[in-house]
Amino acid sequence: MDKDRMEGVGHQAKGAVKETAGKAMGDRKTEAEGKAEKAAGKVQNAVGGAKDALRGAAKESQDR
């Protein structure tokens, strides 16, 4: 698993906590920051997934 995928999942979790805390406290800024961090985490996770797929395809073509 690519490190971007792991970090992306971490950012998603941190963002979700921040978003929930912002909602609970009525703090729209914190809530928005949480949403943004979750979105960034999803993108980072997708980048890591693409890297994994490329590595897998390269390894498969080498094995042939």
PDB file of N, CA and C in Angstrom:
ATOM      1  N   MET A   1       0.852  -1.173   0.000  1.00  0.00           N
ATOM      2  CA  MET A   1       0.000   0.000   0.000  1.00  0.00           C
ATOM      3  C   MET A   1       0.898   1.236   0.000  1.00  0.00           C
ATOM      4  N   ASP A   2       0.552   2.184  -0.839  1.00  0.00           N
ATOM      5  CA  ASP A   2       1.323   3.407  -0.971  1.00  0.00           C
ATOM      6  C   ASP A   2       1.137   4.304   0.257  1.00  0.00           C
ATOM      7  N   LYS A   3       2.189   5.035   0.613  1.00  0.00           N
ATOM      8  CA  LYS A   3       2.099   5.903   1.805  1.00  0.00           C
ATOM      9  C   LYS A   3       1.064   7.004   1.610  1.00  0.00           C
ATOM     10  N   ASP A   4       0.824   7.427   0.364  1.00  0.00           N
ATOM     11  CA  ASP A   4      -0.203   8.441   0.127  1.00  0.00           C
ATOM     12  C   ASP A   4      -1.587   7.923   0.505  1.00  0.00           C
ATOM     13  N   ARG A   5      -1.807   6.640   0.278  1.00  0.00           N
ATOM     14  CA  ARG A   5      -3.105   6.065   0.652  1.00  0.00           C
ATOM     15  C   ARG A   5      -3.281   6.090   2.163  1.00  0.00           C
ATOM     16  N   MET A   6      -2.236   5.710   2.881  1.00  0.00           N
ATOM     17  CA  MET A   6      -2.322   5.693   4.350  1.00  0.00           C
ATOM     18  C   MET A   6      -2.508   7.105   4.898  1.00  0.00           C
ATOM     19  N   GLU A   7      -1.731   8.043   4.380  1.00  0.00           N
ATOM     20  CA  GLU A   7      -1.855   9.426   4.851  1.00  0.00           C
ATOM     21  C   GLU A   7      -3.220  10.002   4.483  1.00  0.00           C
ATOM     22  N   GLY A   8      -3.719   9.639   3.308  1.00  0.00           N
ATOM     23  CA  GLY A   8      -5.032  10.117   2.884  1.00  0.00           C
ATOM     24  C   GLY A   8      -6.137   9.650   3.810  1.00  0.00           C
ATOM     25  N   VAL A   9      -6.066   8.396   4.202  1.00  0.00           N
ATOM     26  CA  VAL A   9      -7.063   7.864   5.140  1.00  0.00           C
ATOM     27  C   VAL A   9      -6.974   8.611   6.475  1.00  0.00           C
ATOM     28  N   GLY A  10      -5.749   8.899   6.899  1.00  0.00           N
ATOM     29  CA  GLY A  10      -5.568   9.655   8.146  1.00  0.00           C
ATOM     30  C   GLY A  10      -6.171  11.044   8.061  1.00  0.00           C
ATOM     31  N   HIS A  11      -5.968  11.711   6.932  1.00  0.00           N
ATOM     32  CA  HIS A  11      -6.534  13.055   6.749  1.00  0.00           C
ATOM     33  C   HIS A  11      -8.061  12.999   6.699  1.00  0.00           C
ATOM     34  N   GLN A  12      -8.601  11.960   6.083  1.00  0.00           N
ATOM     35  CA  GLN A  12     -10.054  11.815   6.038  1.00  0.00           C
ATOM     36  C   GLN A  12     -10.626  11.662   7.448  1.00  0.00           C
ATOM     37  N   ALA A  13      -9.976  10.838   8.251  1.00  0.00           N
ATOM     38  CA  ALA A  13     -10.454  10.614   9.618  1.00  0.00           C
ATOM     39  C   ALA A  13     -10.338  11.890  10.448  1.00  0.00           C
ATOM     40  N   LYS A  14      -9.193  12.543  10.338  1.00  0.00           N
ATOM     41  CA  LYS A  14      -8.983  13.785  11.086  1.00  0.00           C
ATOM     42  C   LYS A  14     -10.000  14.846  10.657  1.00  0.00           C
ATOM     43  N   GLY A  15     -10.250  14.919   9.352  1.00  0.00           N
ATOM     44  CA  GLY A  15     -11.224  15.879   8.841  1.00  0.00           C
ATOM     45  C   GLY A  15     -12.625  15.594   9.339  1.00  0.00           C
ATOM     46  N   ALA A  16     -12.983  14.302   9.400  1.00  0.00           N
ATOM     47  CA  ALA A  16     -14.310  13.926   9.881  1.00  0.00           C
ATOM     48  C   ALA A  16     -14.494  14.331  11.339  1.00  0.00           C
ATOM     49  N   VAL A  17     -13.468  14.115  12.141  1.00  0.00           N
ATOM     50  CA  VAL A  17     -13.535  14.500  13.560  1.00  0.00           C
ATOM     51  C   VAL A  17     -13.666  16.017  13.684  1.00  0.00           C
ATOM     52  N   LYS A  18     -12.868  16.721  12.907  1.00  0.00           N
ATOM     53  CA  LYS A  18     -12.891  18.182  12.955  1.00  0.00           C
ATOM     54  C   LYS A  18     -14.253  18.723  12.495  1.00  0.00           C
ATOM     55  N   GLU A  19     -14.786  18.117  11.438  1.00  0.00           N
ATOM     56  CA  GLU A  19     -16.091  18.540  10.935  1.00  0.00           C
ATOM     57  C   GLU A  19     -17.182  18.312  11.980  1.00  0.00           C
ATOM     58  N   THR A  20     -17.160  17.142  12.617  1.00  0.00           N
ATOM     59  CA  THR A  20     -18.153  16.821  13.642  1.00  0.00           C
ATOM     60  C   THR A  20     -18.028  17.762  14.841  1.00  0.00           C
ATOM     61  N   ALA A  21     -16.795  18.039  15.244  1.00  0.00           N
ATOM     62  CA  ALA A  21     -16.582  18.957  16.366  1.00  0.00           C
ATOM     63  C   ALA A  21     -17.090  20.352  16.016  1.00  0.00           C
ATOM     64  N   GLY A  22     -16.832  20.776  14.798  1.00  0.00           N
ATOM     65  CA  GLY A  22     -17.313  22.086  14.365  1.00  0.00           C
ATOM     66  C   GLY A  22     -18.829  22.170  14.386  1.00  0.00           C
ATOM     67  N   LYS A  23     -19.485  21.104  13.918  1.00  0.00           N
ATOM     68  CA  LYS A  23     -20.949  21.070  13.943  1.00  0.00           C
ATOM     69  C   LYS A  23     -21.464  21.120  15.370  1.00  0.00           C
ATOM     70  N   ALA A  24     -20.845  20.336  16.248  1.00  0.00           N
ATOM     71  CA  ALA A  24     -21.294  20.256  17.643  1.00  0.00           C
ATOM     72  C   ALA A  24     -21.136  21.587  18.367  1.00  0.00           C
ATOM     73  N   MET A  25     -20.064  22.299  18.045  1.00  0.00           N
ATOM     74  CA  MET A  25     -19.790  23.579  18.710  1.00  0.00           C
ATOM     75  C   MET A  25     -20.436  24.758  17.991  1.00  0.00           C
ATOM     76  N   GLY A  26     -21.001  24.494  16.820  1.00  0.00           N
ATOM     77  CA  GLY A  26     -21.582  25.588  16.047  1.00  0.00           C
ATOM     78  C   GLY A  26     -20.513  26.472  15.419  1.00  0.00           C
ATOM     79  N   ASP A  27     -19.319  25.924  15.230  1.00  0.00           N
ATOM     80  CA  ASP A  27     -18.190  26.665  14.665  1.00  0.00           C
ATOM     81  C   ASP A  27     -18.084  26.334  13.179  1.00  0.00           C
ATOM     82  N   ARG A  28     -18.597  27.217  12.350  1.00  0.00           N
ATOM     83  CA  ARG A  28     -18.629  26.953  10.914  1.00  0.00           C
ATOM     84  C   ARG A  28     -17.235  26.893  10.303  1.00  0.00           C
ATOM     85  N   LYS A  29     -16.305  27.657  10.849  1.00  0.00           N
ATOM     86  CA  LYS A  29     -14.943  27.645  10.315  1.00  0.00           C
ATOM     87  C   LYS A  29     -14.301  26.273  10.527  1.00  0.00           C
ATOM     88  N   THR A  30     -14.408  25.739  11.723  1.00  0.00           N
ATOM     89  CA  THR A  30     -13.843  24.421  12.024  1.00  0.00           C
ATOM     90  C   THR A  30     -14.530  23.347  11.187  1.00  0.00           C
ATOM     91  N   GLU A  31     -15.835  23.462  11.044  1.00  0.00           N
ATOM     92  CA  GLU A  31     -16.584  22.509  10.234  1.00  0.00           C
ATOM     93  C   GLU A  31     -16.094  22.540   8.774  1.00  0.00           C
ATOM     94  N   ALA A  32     -15.911  23.728   8.242  1.00  0.00           N
ATOM     95  CA  ALA A  32     -15.435  23.877   6.862  1.00  0.00           C
ATOM     96  C   ALA A  32     -14.009  23.340   6.706  1.00  0.00           C
ATOM     97  N   GLU A  33     -13.169  23.608   7.695  1.00  0.00           N
ATOM     98  CA  GLU A  33     -11.800  23.082   7.661  1.00  0.00           C
ATOM     99  C   GLU A  33     -11.815  21.556   7.652  1.00  0.00           C
ATOM    100  N   GLY A  34     -12.702  20.970   8.430  1.00  0.00           N
ATOM    101  CA  GLY A  34     -12.836  19.515   8.470  1.00  0.00           C
ATOM    102  C   GLY A  34     -13.275  18.958   7.127  1.00  0.00           C
ATOM    103  N   LYS A  35     -14.243  19.603   6.505  1.00  0.00           N
ATOM    104  CA  LYS A  35     -14.711  19.165   5.192  1.00  0.00           C
ATOM    105  C   LYS A  35     -13.583  19.247   4.170  1.00  0.00           C
ATOM    106  N   ALA A  36     -12.822  20.338   4.221  1.00  0.00           N
ATOM    107  CA  ALA A  36     -11.709  20.518   3.283  1.00  0.00           C
ATOM    108  C   ALA A  36     -10.639  19.456   3.500  1.00  0.00           C
ATOM    109  N   GLU A  37     -10.345  19.146   4.757  1.00  0.00           N
ATOM    110  CA  GLU A  37      -9.331  18.130   5.048  1.00  0.00           C
ATOM    111  C   GLU A  37      -9.790  16.746   4.600  1.00  0.00           C
ATOM    112  N   LYS A  38     -11.077  16.463   4.777  1.00  0.00           N
ATOM    113  CA  LYS A  38     -11.614  15.188   4.297  1.00  0.00           C
ATOM    114  C   LYS A  38     -11.473  15.084   2.784  1.00  0.00           C
ATOM    115  N   ALA A  39     -11.797  16.157   2.089  1.00  0.00           N
ATOM    116  CA  ALA A  39     -11.695  16.155   0.624  1.00  0.00           C
ATOM    117  C   ALA A  39     -10.249  15.974   0.181  1.00  0.00           C
ATOM    118  N   ALA A  40      -9.334  16.662   0.838  1.00  0.00           N
ATOM    119  CA  ALA A  40      -7.906  16.520   0.510  1.00  0.00           C
ATOM    120  C   ALA A  40      -7.438  15.092   0.771  1.00  0.00           C
ATOM    121  N   GLY A  41      -7.929  14.492   1.823  1.00  0.00           N
ATOM    122  CA  GLY A  41      -7.583  13.110   2.138  1.00  0.00           C
ATOM    123  C   GLY A  41      -8.083  12.144   1.073  1.00  0.00           C
ATOM    124  N   LYS A  42      -9.284  12.400   0.561  1.00  0.00           N
ATOM    125  CA  LYS A  42      -9.831  11.546  -0.495  1.00  0.00           C
ATOM    126  C   LYS A  42      -8.971  11.639  -1.757  1.00  0.00           C
ATOM    127  N   VAL A  43      -8.545  12.859  -2.085  1.00  0.00           N
ATOM    128  CA  VAL A  43      -7.696  13.044  -3.268  1.00  0.00           C
ATOM    129  C   VAL A  43      -6.359  12.331  -3.066  1.00  0.00           C
ATOM    130  N   GLN A  44      -5.762  12.515  -1.895  1.00  0.00           N
ATOM    131  CA  GLN A  44      -4.471  11.884  -1.611  1.00  0.00           C
ATOM    132  C   GLN A  44      -4.598  10.364  -1.659  1.00  0.00           C
ATOM    133  N   ASN A  45      -5.695   9.846  -1.145  1.00  0.00           N
ATOM    134  CA  ASN A  45      -5.938   8.410  -1.186  1.00  0.00           C
ATOM    135  C   ASN A  45      -6.057   7.934  -2.633  1.00  0.00           C
ATOM    136  N   ALA A  46      -6.743   8.696  -3.469  1.00  0.00           N
ATOM    137  CA  ALA A  46      -6.895   8.326  -4.878  1.00  0.00           C
ATOM    138  C   ALA A  46      -5.549   8.336  -5.601  1.00  0.00           C
ATOM    139  N   VAL A  47      -4.712   9.311  -5.282  1.00  0.00           N
ATOM    140  CA  VAL A  47      -3.370   9.378  -5.877  1.00  0.00           C
ATOM    141  C   VAL A  47      -2.578   8.129  -5.488  1.00  0.00           C
ATOM    142  N   GLY A  48      -2.649   7.771  -4.239  1.00  0.00           N
ATOM    143  CA  GLY A  48      -1.965   6.564  -3.771  1.00  0.00           C
ATOM    144  C   GLY A  48      -2.488   5.318  -4.457  1.00  0.00           C
ATOM    145  N   GLY A  49      -3.793   5.259  -4.679  1.00  0.00           N
ATOM    146  CA  GLY A  49      -4.378   4.127  -5.380  1.00  0.00           C
ATOM    147  C   GLY A  49      -3.886   4.034  -6.818  1.00  0.00           C
ATOM    148  N   ALA A  50      -3.767   5.186  -7.460  1.00  0.00           N
ATOM    149  CA  ALA A  50      -3.255   5.206  -8.829  1.00  0.00           C
ATOM    150  C   ALA A  50      -1.801   4.744  -8.867  1.00  0.00           C
ATOM    151  N   LYS A  51      -1.017   5.184  -7.897  1.00  0.00           N
ATOM    152  CA  LYS A  51       0.383   4.753  -7.829  1.00  0.00           C
ATOM    153  C   LYS A  51       0.465   3.234  -7.647  1.00  0.00           C
ATOM    154  N   ASP A  52      -0.384   2.703  -6.762  1.00  0.00           N
ATOM    155  CA  ASP A  52      -0.409   1.253  -6.546  1.00  0.00           C
ATOM    156  C   ASP A  52      -0.771   0.518  -7.831  1.00  0.00           C
ATOM    157  N   ALA A  53      -1.752   1.034  -8.553  1.00  0.00           N
ATOM    158  CA  ALA A  53      -2.180   0.402  -9.800  1.00  0.00           C
ATOM    159  C   ALA A  53      -1.060   0.420 -10.835  1.00  0.00           C
ATOM    160  N   LEU A  54      -0.359   1.546 -10.933  1.00  0.00           N
ATOM    161  CA  LEU A  54       0.760   1.640 -11.875  1.00  0.00           C
ATOM    162  C   LEU A  54       1.879   0.673 -11.509  1.00  0.00           C
ATOM    163  N   ARG A  55       2.182   0.592 -10.215  1.00  0.00           N
ATOM    164  CA  ARG A  55       3.214  -0.346  -9.773  1.00  0.00           C
ATOM    165  C   ARG A  55       2.811  -1.779 -10.095  1.00  0.00           C
ATOM    166  N   GLY A  56       1.556  -2.098  -9.868  1.00  0.00           N
ATOM    167  CA  GLY A  56       1.062  -3.435 -10.140  1.00  0.00           C
ATOM    168  C   GLY A  56       1.132  -3.767 -11.633  1.00  0.00           C
ATOM    169  N   ALA A  57       0.756  -2.803 -12.463  1.00  0.00           N
ATOM    170  CA  ALA A  57       0.803  -3.022 -13.912  1.00  0.00           C
ATOM    171  C   ALA A  57       2.246  -3.175 -14.384  1.00  0.00           C
ATOM    172  N   ALA A  58       3.150  -2.361 -13.836  1.00  0.00           N
ATOM    173  CA  ALA A  58       4.564  -2.457 -14.221  1.00  0.00           C
ATOM    174  C   ALA A  58       5.140  -3.803 -13.801  1.00  0.00           C
ATOM    175  N   LYS A  59       4.787  -4.242 -12.601  1.00  0.00           N
ATOM    176  CA  LYS A  59       5.296  -5.538 -12.112  1.00  0.00           C
ATOM    177  C   LYS A  59       4.728  -6.675 -12.968  1.00  0.00           C
ATOM    178  N   GLU A  60       3.473  -6.569 -13.321  1.00  0.00           N
ATOM    179  CA  GLU A  60       2.847  -7.606 -14.137  1.00  0.00           C
ATOM    180  C   GLU A  60       3.504  -7.691 -15.520  1.00  0.00           C
ATOM    181  N   SER A  61       3.808  -6.537 -16.094  1.00  0.00           N
ATOM    182  CA  SER A  61       4.437  -6.552 -17.418  1.00  0.00           C
ATOM    183  C   SER A  61       5.880  -7.073 -17.345  1.00  0.00           C
ATOM    184  N   GLN A  62       6.550  -6.869 -16.216  1.00  0.00           N
ATOM    185  CA  GLN A  62       7.913  -7.398 -16.041  1.00  0.00           C
ATOM    186  C   GLN A  62       7.879  -8.926 -15.890  1.00  0.00           C
ATOM    187  N   ASP A  63       6.836  -9.417 -15.264  1.00  0.00           N
ATOM    188  CA  ASP A  63       6.717 -10.850 -15.020  1.00  0.00           C
ATOM    189  C   ASP A  63       6.445 -11.648 -16.305  1.00  0.00           C
ATOM    190  N   ARG A  64       6.028 -10.974 -17.333  1.00  0.00           N
ATOM    191  CA  ARG A  64       5.697 -11.680 -18.589  1.00  0.00           C
ATOM    192  C   ARG A  64       6.919 -12.024 -19.358  1.00  0.00           C
TER     193      ARG A  64
END
